[in-house]
Protein backbone atom coordinates (compact mmCIF):
# COMPACT_ATOMS: atom_id res chain seq x y z
CA MET A 1 -18.87 -6.23 31.91
CA LEU A 2 -18.77 -8.35 28.78
CA ASP A 3 -16.07 -10.95 28.48
CA LYS A 4 -13.93 -11.04 25.35
CA ASN A 5 -15.64 -14.11 23.89
CA THR A 6 -19.11 -12.55 24.12
CA LEU A 7 -17.86 -9.31 22.61
CA PHE A 8 -16.16 -11.26 19.82
CA ALA A 9 -19.39 -13.12 19.02
CA MET A 10 -21.51 -9.96 19.16
CA SER A 11 -19.16 -8.15 16.78
CA LEU A 12 -20.10 -10.62 14.06
CA PHE A 13 -23.57 -9.11 13.58
CA PRO A 14 -22.44 -5.57 12.65
CA TYR A 15 -19.77 -7.08 10.42
CA LEU A 16 -22.37 -9.16 8.57
CA GLY A 17 -24.36 -5.94 8.05
CA PHE A 18 -21.22 -4.27 6.71
CA LEU A 19 -20.72 -7.17 4.28
CA TRP A 20 -24.33 -6.93 3.15
CA PHE A 21 -23.96 -3.23 2.29
CA MET A 22 -20.53 -3.68 0.68
CA THR A 23 -21.90 -6.50 -1.48
CA ARG A 24 -24.83 -4.38 -2.64
CA THR A 25 -22.55 -1.47 -3.50
CA LYS A 26 -21.36 -2.13 -7.02
CA GLU A 27 -18.35 0.19 -6.59
CA THR A 28 -16.71 -2.16 -4.10
CA PRO A 29 -13.71 -3.78 -5.78
CA ARG A 30 -14.23 -7.55 -6.15
CA LEU A 31 -10.82 -8.48 -4.71
CA ALA A 32 -11.39 -6.26 -1.67
CA LEU A 33 -14.83 -7.78 -1.17
CA THR A 34 -13.24 -11.22 -1.32
CA GLY A 35 -10.85 -10.09 1.40
CA PHE A 36 -13.72 -8.88 3.57
CA TYR A 37 -15.43 -12.26 3.18
CA ALA A 38 -12.14 -14.08 3.84
CA LEU A 39 -12.14 -12.44 7.26
CA LEU A 40 -15.06 -14.75 8.06
CA VAL A 41 -12.70 -17.67 7.35
CA PHE A 42 -10.33 -16.20 9.93
CA VAL A 43 -13.18 -16.10 12.45
CA ALA A 44 -14.26 -19.63 11.54
CA VAL A 45 -10.71 -20.91 12.04
CA THR A 46 -9.95 -18.90 15.18
CA ILE A 47 -12.92 -20.13 17.21
CA PRO A 48 -12.13 -23.86 17.02
CA ALA A 49 -8.41 -23.12 17.34
CA GLY A 50 -9.11 -21.23 20.56
CA ILE A 51 -11.29 -24.03 21.88
CA TYR A 52 -8.63 -26.62 21.06
CA ALA A 53 -5.93 -24.52 22.71
CA LYS A 54 -8.02 -24.19 25.87
CA VAL A 55 -9.49 -27.70 26.11
CA GLY A 56 -6.80 -29.77 24.43
CA LEU A 57 -3.68 -27.93 25.51
CA GLY A 58 -4.84 -26.02 28.60
CA GLU A 59 -3.54 -22.71 27.19
CA GLU A 60 -4.89 -19.51 25.71
CA LEU A 61 -4.69 -19.41 21.92
CA ALA A 62 -2.20 -16.53 22.05
CA ASN A 63 0.20 -18.76 24.01
CA VAL A 64 0.30 -21.57 21.43
CA ASP A 65 2.47 -20.06 18.72
CA TRP A 66 1.98 -22.64 15.98
CA LEU A 67 -1.79 -22.63 16.40
CA HIS A 68 -2.11 -18.88 16.82
CA GLY A 69 0.17 -18.20 13.84
CA SER A 70 -1.82 -20.58 11.66
CA ALA A 71 -5.08 -18.84 12.51
CA GLU A 72 -3.53 -15.39 12.01
CA ALA A 73 -2.39 -16.42 8.53
CA PHE A 74 -6.03 -16.19 7.42
CA LEU A 75 -6.23 -12.65 8.80
CA THR A 76 -3.09 -11.70 6.91
CA LEU A 77 -4.45 -13.21 3.71
CA SER A 78 -7.75 -11.34 4.01
CA ASN A 79 -5.90 -8.06 4.65
CA ILE A 80 -3.74 -8.60 1.56
CA PHE A 81 -6.86 -9.13 -0.58
CA VAL A 82 -8.47 -5.96 0.77
CA VAL A 83 -5.37 -3.84 0.16
CA LEU A 84 -4.73 -5.22 -3.32
CA GLY A 85 -8.38 -4.81 -4.27
CA PHE A 86 -8.50 -1.15 -3.29
CA ARG A 87 -5.05 -0.53 -4.80
CA GLN A 88 -6.29 -1.95 -8.09
CA ALA A 89 -9.36 0.31 -7.93
CA VAL A 90 -7.22 3.40 -7.28
CA VAL A 91 -4.87 2.55 -10.15
CA GLN A 92 -7.81 2.01 -12.51
CA HIS A 93 -9.46 5.23 -11.36
CA ARG A 94 -6.28 7.24 -11.90
CA ALA A 95 -5.81 5.72 -15.35
CA GLY A 96 -9.41 6.63 -16.24
CA VAL A 97 -9.04 10.19 -14.96
CA GLN A 98 -5.80 10.68 -16.93
CA VAL A 99 -7.35 9.33 -20.13
CA GLU A 100 -10.46 11.52 -19.71
CA GLY A 101 -8.29 14.54 -18.94
CA GLU A 102 -6.16 14.00 -22.03
CA VAL A 103 -9.16 13.55 -24.31
CA GLY A 104 -10.94 16.58 -22.84
CA GLY A 105 -7.81 18.74 -23.07
CA LYS A 106 -7.21 17.99 -26.73
CA GLY A 107 -10.82 18.56 -27.84
């Protein structure tokens, strides 16, 4: 059975593949792509925070509220970017469809 730290580390490889494909796809909204990359910041912050919690404080990261909350702030920020990026794409798409529909209907 894999422990949670090994599973966490192994999950990085498929995610990097996902980022590679999303970056190559030109339809991916820029702000959403920024959010997906910002998730790597969350990972980069969470690992040392977890080590500090364990070694320096003798606790699991989840039990040190100020440290856990600080790391989770990066996750929240990346999620906001992803949502706003896709929202912007949907709004732009709907505006384009309405404009095309109006032009086509009048002609």
